N, C-alpha and C. Protein backbone atom coordinates (compact mmCIF):
# COMPACT_ATOMS: atom_id res chain seq x y z
N UNK A 1 -2.04 0.07 6.90
CA UNK A 1 -1.15 -0.01 5.99
C UNK A 1 -0.08 -1.04 6.09
N UNK A 2 0.29 -2.07 5.26
CA UNK A 2 1.25 -2.72 5.25
C UNK A 2 2.51 -2.22 4.50
N UNK A 3 3.60 -2.56 4.91
CA UNK A 3 4.76 -2.33 4.25
C UNK A 3 5.70 -3.40 4.34
N UNK A 4 6.25 -3.77 2.97
CA UNK A 4 7.10 -4.83 2.94
C UNK A 4 8.27 -4.50 2.18
N UNK A 5 9.54 -4.56 2.57
CA UNK A 5 10.64 -4.34 2.04
C UNK A 5 11.73 -5.33 1.71
N UNK A 6 12.44 -5.10 0.50
CA UNK A 6 13.49 -6.22 0.22
C UNK A 6 14.48 -5.39 -0.11
N UNK A 7 15.86 -6.02 -0.72
CA UNK A 7 16.93 -5.18 -0.98
C UNK A 7 16.57 -4.37 -2.14
N UNK A 8 15.73 -4.75 -3.19
CA UNK A 8 15.41 -3.93 -4.28
C UNK A 8 13.99 -3.65 -4.35
N UNK A 9 13.19 -3.61 -3.43
CA UNK A 9 11.70 -3.33 -3.63
C UNK A 9 10.98 -2.84 -2.29
N UNK A 10 9.97 -2.04 -2.54
CA UNK A 10 9.21 -1.51 -1.42
C UNK A 10 7.71 -1.83 -1.93
N UNK A 11 6.92 -2.33 -1.03
CA UNK A 11 5.47 -2.82 -1.18
C UNK A 11 4.70 -2.11 -0.26
N UNK A 12 3.68 -1.29 -0.58
CA UNK A 12 2.43 -0.82 0.23
C UNK A 12 1.22 -1.66 0.07
N UNK A 13 0.73 -1.87 0.88
CA UNK A 13 -0.69 -2.68 0.82
C UNK A 13 -1.60 -1.83 1.48
N UNK A 14 -2.59 -1.24 1.02
CA UNK A 14 -3.52 -0.37 1.54
C UNK A 14 -4.98 -0.91 1.71
N UNK A 15 -5.61 -0.73 2.88
CA UNK A 15 -6.84 -1.37 3.07
C UNK A 15 -7.76 -0.35 2.52
N UNK A 16 -9.25 -0.53 2.39
CA UNK A 16 -10.16 0.24 1.86
C UNK A 16 -10.08 1.68 2.19
N UNK A 17 -10.33 1.85 3.56
CA UNK A 17 -10.38 3.25 4.27
C UNK A 17 -8.90 4.13 3.90
N UNK A 18 -7.78 3.36 3.74
CA UNK A 18 -6.62 3.88 3.54
C UNK A 18 -6.49 4.53 2.15
N UNK A 19 -7.15 3.69 1.11
CA UNK A 19 -7.14 3.82 -0.23
C UNK A 19 -7.97 5.19 -0.45
N UNK A 20 -9.10 5.26 0.22
CA UNK A 20 -10.25 6.48 0.36
C UNK A 20 -9.41 7.53 0.71
N UNK A 21 -8.71 7.54 1.74
CA UNK A 21 -8.06 8.66 2.53
C UNK A 21 -6.96 9.23 1.43
N UNK A 22 -6.24 8.20 0.94
CA UNK A 22 -5.16 8.57 -0.10
C UNK A 22 -5.75 9.44 -1.17
N UNK A 23 -6.79 8.82 -1.75
CA UNK A 23 -7.65 9.58 -2.91
C UNK A 23 -8.18 10.79 -2.44
N UNK A 24 -8.84 11.12 -1.08
CA UNK A 24 -9.25 12.39 -0.69
C UNK A 24 -8.29 13.35 -0.11
N UNK A 25 -7.45 12.94 0.69
CA UNK A 25 -6.54 13.90 1.36
C UNK A 25 -5.22 14.08 0.74
N UNK A 26 -4.65 12.87 0.09
CA UNK A 26 -3.57 13.00 -0.59
C UNK A 26 -2.37 12.25 0.03
N UNK A 27 -2.60 11.66 1.41
CA UNK A 27 -1.26 10.97 1.85
C UNK A 27 -1.90 10.07 2.69
N UNK A 28 -1.34 9.05 3.29
CA UNK A 28 -1.50 7.81 4.09
C UNK A 28 -0.12 7.86 5.06
N UNK A 29 -0.35 7.56 6.21
CA UNK A 29 1.14 7.27 7.05
C UNK A 29 0.90 6.25 8.14
N UNK A 30 1.80 5.54 8.33
CA UNK A 30 1.86 4.58 9.44
C UNK A 30 3.18 4.64 10.34
N UNK A 31 2.86 4.54 11.65
CA UNK A 31 4.12 4.63 12.58
C UNK A 31 4.30 3.35 13.17
N UNK A 32 5.76 2.93 13.28
CA UNK A 32 6.00 1.83 13.86
C UNK A 32 6.92 2.18 15.20
N UNK A 33 6.51 1.77 16.36
CA UNK A 33 7.40 2.28 17.65
C UNK A 33 8.53 1.15 17.66
N UNK A 34 9.69 1.78 17.83
CA UNK A 34 10.75 1.00 18.10
C UNK A 34 11.51 1.53 19.36
N UNK A 35 12.41 0.77 19.76
CA UNK A 35 13.13 0.94 21.05
C UNK A 35 13.83 2.28 21.11
N UNK A 36 14.33 2.73 19.97
CA UNK A 36 14.99 4.11 19.98
C UNK A 36 14.33 5.03 19.18
N UNK A 37 12.92 4.82 19.09
CA UNK A 37 12.21 5.94 18.39
C UNK A 37 11.04 5.40 17.46
N UNK A 38 10.22 6.21 16.74
CA UNK A 38 9.38 5.84 16.20
C UNK A 38 9.65 5.94 14.38
N UNK A 39 9.46 4.82 13.72
CA UNK A 39 9.75 4.88 12.08
C UNK A 39 8.20 5.28 11.54
N UNK A 40 8.37 6.31 10.90
CA UNK A 40 7.12 6.91 10.08
C UNK A 40 7.41 6.54 8.73
N UNK A 41 6.45 5.91 7.88
CA UNK A 41 6.25 5.72 6.69
C UNK A 41 5.00 6.33 6.10
N UNK A 42 5.24 7.09 5.09
CA UNK A 42 4.13 7.73 4.40
C UNK A 42 4.21 7.58 2.85
N UNK A 43 2.86 7.63 2.38
CA UNK A 43 2.77 7.52 0.97
C UNK A 43 1.88 8.69 0.72
N UNK A 44 2.20 9.41 -0.47
CA UNK A 44 1.93 10.83 -0.74
C UNK A 44 1.47 10.83 -2.31
N UNK A 45 0.29 11.38 -2.65
CA UNK A 45 0.08 11.85 -4.15
C UNK A 45 1.06 13.11 -4.27
N UNK A 46 1.35 13.18 -5.66
CA UNK A 46 2.67 14.09 -5.88
C UNK A 46 2.32 14.49 -7.41
N UNK A 47 2.61 15.59 -7.58
CA UNK A 47 2.73 15.98 -9.19
C UNK A 47 3.97 15.93 -9.57
N UNK A 48 4.44 14.61 -10.06
CA UNK A 48 5.65 14.45 -10.40
C UNK A 48 5.90 12.87 -10.54
N UNK A 49 7.20 12.44 -10.94
CA UNK A 49 7.47 10.96 -10.94
C UNK A 49 7.44 10.36 -9.65
N UNK A 50 7.38 9.04 -9.57
CA UNK A 50 7.21 8.24 -8.28
C UNK A 50 8.71 8.32 -7.78
N UNK A 51 9.03 8.51 -6.44
CA UNK A 51 10.01 8.81 -5.80
C UNK A 51 10.04 8.20 -4.28
N UNK A 52 11.09 7.87 -3.63
CA UNK A 52 11.05 7.64 -2.34
C UNK A 52 12.35 8.18 -1.83
N UNK A 53 12.26 8.52 -0.28
CA UNK A 53 13.42 9.31 0.24
C UNK A 53 13.36 8.80 1.71
N UNK A 54 14.65 8.91 2.30
CA UNK A 54 14.79 8.49 3.71
C UNK A 54 15.48 9.57 4.28
N UNK A 55 14.85 10.09 5.48
CA UNK A 55 15.64 11.15 6.34
C UNK A 55 15.23 10.63 7.66
N UNK A 56 16.43 10.41 8.25
CA UNK A 56 16.21 10.04 9.54
C UNK A 56 15.46 8.80 9.83
N UNK A 57 14.33 9.05 10.45
CA UNK A 57 13.19 7.85 10.97
C UNK A 57 12.13 7.79 10.12
N UNK A 58 12.09 8.73 8.91
CA UNK A 58 11.11 8.82 7.99
C UNK A 58 11.32 8.38 6.81
N UNK A 59 10.34 7.34 6.26
CA UNK A 59 10.57 7.07 4.80
C UNK A 59 9.25 7.66 4.21
N UNK A 60 9.80 8.62 3.04
CA UNK A 60 8.70 9.21 2.32
C UNK A 60 8.48 8.63 0.90
N UNK A 61 7.44 8.19 0.47
CA UNK A 61 7.36 7.68 -0.95
C UNK A 61 6.05 8.41 -1.58
N UNK A 62 6.43 8.83 -2.81
CA UNK A 62 5.30 9.79 -3.58
C UNK A 62 5.11 9.07 -4.79
N UNK A 63 3.92 9.16 -5.16
CA UNK A 63 3.44 8.57 -6.42
C UNK A 63 2.78 9.70 -7.39
N UNK A 64 2.69 9.56 -8.64
CA UNK A 64 1.93 10.57 -9.43
C UNK A 64 0.36 10.73 -8.87
N UNK A 65 -0.07 11.85 -8.70
CA UNK A 65 -1.38 12.12 -8.19
C UNK A 65 -2.50 11.57 -9.12
N UNK A 66 -2.28 11.59 -10.53
CA UNK A 66 -3.37 11.13 -11.46
C UNK A 66 -3.27 9.74 -11.25
N UNK A 67 -2.32 8.99 -11.10
CA UNK A 67 -2.21 7.65 -11.17
C UNK A 67 -2.89 7.15 -9.87
N UNK A 68 -2.52 7.88 -8.72
CA UNK A 68 -3.16 7.35 -7.44
C UNK A 68 -4.77 7.45 -7.41
N UNK A 69 -5.31 8.62 -7.90
CA UNK A 69 -6.65 8.80 -7.93
C UNK A 69 -7.43 7.60 -8.97
N UNK A 70 -6.73 7.62 -10.03
CA UNK A 70 -7.67 6.67 -11.16
C UNK A 70 -7.47 5.38 -10.60
N UNK A 71 -6.36 4.99 -9.63
CA UNK A 71 -6.22 3.67 -9.16
C UNK A 71 -7.36 3.39 -8.16
N UNK A 72 -7.44 4.47 -7.10
CA UNK A 72 -8.33 4.37 -6.14
C UNK A 72 -9.72 4.24 -6.39
N UNK A 73 -10.00 4.76 -7.53
CA UNK A 73 -11.74 4.75 -8.07
C UNK A 73 -11.81 3.61 -8.99
N UNK A 74 -10.75 2.64 -9.33
CA UNK A 74 -10.94 1.56 -10.07
C UNK A 74 -11.04 0.33 -9.48
N UNK A 75 -11.13 -0.90 -10.20
CA UNK A 75 -10.77 -2.25 -9.55
C UNK A 75 -9.53 -2.49 -9.81
N UNK A 76 -8.48 -1.68 -10.56
CA UNK A 76 -7.11 -1.95 -10.72
C UNK A 76 -6.46 -2.20 -9.14
N UNK A 77 -5.79 -3.46 -9.12
CA UNK A 77 -5.12 -4.00 -8.09
C UNK A 77 -3.82 -3.15 -7.46
N UNK A 78 -3.24 -2.85 -8.51
CA UNK A 78 -2.03 -2.27 -8.01
C UNK A 78 -1.30 -1.20 -8.96
N UNK A 79 -0.41 -0.71 -8.49
CA UNK A 79 0.44 0.49 -9.48
C UNK A 79 1.87 -0.14 -9.31
N UNK A 80 2.73 -0.11 -10.20
CA UNK A 80 4.35 -0.35 -10.13
C UNK A 80 5.06 0.56 -10.93
N UNK A 81 6.29 1.07 -10.13
CA UNK A 81 7.28 2.02 -10.45
C UNK A 81 8.44 1.57 -10.42
N UNK A 82 9.47 1.95 -11.24
CA UNK A 82 10.96 1.71 -11.27
C UNK A 82 11.39 2.98 -10.69
N UNK A 83 11.99 2.81 -9.52
CA UNK A 83 12.59 4.04 -8.81
C UNK A 83 13.97 4.28 -9.26
N UNK A 84 14.46 5.47 -9.10
CA UNK A 84 16.02 5.73 -9.28
C UNK A 84 16.78 4.86 -8.45
N UNK A 85 17.76 4.21 -8.79
CA UNK A 85 18.59 3.38 -8.26
C UNK A 85 18.13 1.97 -8.43
N UNK A 86 17.16 1.70 -9.26
CA UNK A 86 16.70 0.42 -9.33
C UNK A 86 15.53 -0.20 -8.72
N UNK A 87 15.08 0.32 -7.35
CA UNK A 87 14.40 -0.32 -6.66
C UNK A 87 12.93 -0.25 -7.29
N UNK A 88 12.12 -1.26 -6.97
CA UNK A 88 10.93 -1.34 -7.65
C UNK A 88 9.96 -0.88 -6.35
N UNK A 89 8.72 -0.30 -6.50
CA UNK A 89 7.84 0.41 -5.80
C UNK A 89 6.46 -0.23 -6.17
N UNK A 90 5.92 -0.95 -5.53
CA UNK A 90 4.56 -1.32 -5.49
C UNK A 90 3.42 -0.75 -4.67
N UNK A 91 2.44 -0.50 -5.00
CA UNK A 91 1.38 0.23 -4.39
C UNK A 91 0.06 -0.62 -4.74
N UNK A 92 -0.41 -1.38 -3.61
CA UNK A 92 -1.46 -2.26 -3.87
C UNK A 92 -2.71 -2.25 -3.02
N UNK A 93 -3.75 -2.65 -3.33
CA UNK A 93 -4.93 -2.88 -2.65
C UNK A 93 -4.91 -4.06 -1.76
N UNK A 94 -5.30 -4.00 -0.50
CA UNK A 94 -5.03 -5.24 0.64
C UNK A 94 -6.25 -6.11 0.55
N UNK A 95 -6.20 -7.37 0.00
CA UNK A 95 -7.25 -8.33 -0.09
C UNK A 95 -7.25 -9.07 1.14
N UNK A 96 -8.51 -9.59 1.32
CA UNK A 96 -8.51 -10.60 2.55
C UNK A 96 -7.68 -11.77 2.27
N UNK A 97 -7.24 -12.18 3.46
CA UNK A 97 -6.08 -13.30 3.44
C UNK A 97 -6.77 -14.57 2.89
N UNK A 98 -5.73 -15.47 2.30
CA UNK A 98 -6.51 -16.81 1.74
C UNK A 98 -6.63 -17.62 2.81
N UNK A 99 -5.82 -17.51 3.75
CA UNK A 99 -5.81 -18.57 4.95
C UNK A 99 -6.77 -18.15 5.93
N UNK A 100 -7.56 -18.86 6.76
CA UNK A 100 -8.41 -18.30 7.68
C UNK A 100 -7.62 -17.34 8.73
N UNK A 101 -8.28 -16.40 9.01
CA UNK A 101 -7.48 -15.46 9.98
C UNK A 101 -8.68 -14.64 10.97
N UNK A 102 -8.23 -13.94 12.01
CA UNK A 102 -9.27 -13.36 12.70
C UNK A 102 -10.11 -12.50 11.96
N UNK A 103 -11.16 -12.11 12.40
CA UNK A 103 -11.91 -10.99 11.82
C UNK A 103 -11.39 -9.62 11.64
N UNK A 104 -10.52 -9.47 12.56
CA UNK A 104 -9.68 -8.07 12.71
C UNK A 104 -8.46 -8.19 11.70
N UNK A 105 -7.95 -9.27 11.42
CA UNK A 105 -6.91 -9.44 10.31
C UNK A 105 -7.59 -9.09 8.92
N UNK A 106 -8.88 -9.37 8.56
CA UNK A 106 -9.34 -9.12 7.46
C UNK A 106 -10.22 -7.94 7.44
N UNK A 107 -10.53 -7.26 8.61
CA UNK A 107 -11.13 -6.01 8.53
C UNK A 107 -10.67 -4.97 7.37
N UNK A 108 -11.70 -4.58 6.76
CA UNK A 108 -11.47 -3.20 6.00
C UNK A 108 -10.60 -3.52 4.65
N UNK A 109 -10.34 -5.01 4.56
CA UNK A 109 -9.60 -5.36 3.19
C UNK A 109 -10.73 -5.45 1.96
N UNK A 110 -10.06 -5.41 0.90
CA UNK A 110 -10.90 -5.62 -0.28
C UNK A 110 -11.37 -6.84 -0.41
N UNK A 111 -12.49 -7.02 -1.05
CA UNK A 111 -13.11 -8.41 -1.40
C UNK A 111 -12.39 -9.00 -2.39
N UNK A 112 -12.00 -10.24 -2.74
CA UNK A 112 -11.37 -10.89 -3.73
C UNK A 112 -12.40 -10.83 -5.04
N UNK A 113 -11.64 -10.69 -6.31
CA UNK A 113 -12.47 -10.51 -7.34
C UNK A 113 -13.27 -11.93 -7.65
N UNK A 114 -14.23 -11.88 -8.26
CA UNK A 114 -15.06 -13.12 -8.58
C UNK A 114 -14.19 -14.31 -9.25
N UNK A 115 -14.31 -15.44 -8.83
CA UNK A 115 -13.54 -16.55 -9.66
C UNK A 115 -12.08 -16.54 -8.66
N UNK A 116 -11.79 -15.80 -8.04
CA UNK A 116 -10.71 -15.94 -7.15
C UNK A 116 -10.71 -17.03 -6.11
N UNK A 117 -9.73 -17.28 -5.29
CA UNK A 117 -9.96 -18.10 -4.21
C UNK A 117 -10.42 -17.34 -2.96
N UNK A 118 -11.44 -17.87 -2.35
CA UNK A 118 -11.80 -17.19 -1.24
C UNK A 118 -10.96 -17.52 0.05
N UNK A 119 -11.02 -16.62 1.15
CA UNK A 119 -10.17 -17.00 2.26
C UNK A 119 -10.83 -18.55 2.83
N UNK A 120 -9.69 -19.08 3.16
CA UNK A 120 -9.89 -20.69 3.53
C UNK A 120 -9.44 -21.63 2.48
N UNK A 121 -9.04 -20.81 1.12
CA UNK A 121 -8.87 -21.85 -0.15
C UNK A 121 -9.91 -22.30 -0.76
N UNK A 122 -11.08 -21.80 -0.52
CA UNK A 122 -12.22 -22.33 -1.38
C UNK A 122 -12.60 -21.33 -2.52
N UNK A 123 -12.75 -22.01 -3.59
CA UNK A 123 -12.96 -21.42 -4.81
C UNK A 123 -14.41 -20.58 -4.83
N UNK A 124 -14.24 -19.36 -5.37
CA UNK A 124 -15.57 -18.45 -5.30
C UNK A 124 -16.54 -19.14 -6.24
């Protein structure tokens, strides 16, 4: 799972196995080791509106269960929510990089849609 944050947005990018796990189990999580502890970030399916909370070294983000399951089973690329306080939340499928990368960097990513640019900048 990749996580990108800016002053007014949180963006999760999930690989294929993570999208399946989210749909089947209801959550995915990643941990980043820091000098003074581990930062844990989780994305959970939830019966209610999208929300995010921070408690100590834990960032917990919840999205509506119905949306998450529908998204996981479809070709839909992402979900977008406006959180309380004006923060934008994006949950997206992680596609293979456009620039050539190691096989590991593109492992378990989604194939780009037909007609899209293939990795390396070549048109499909």
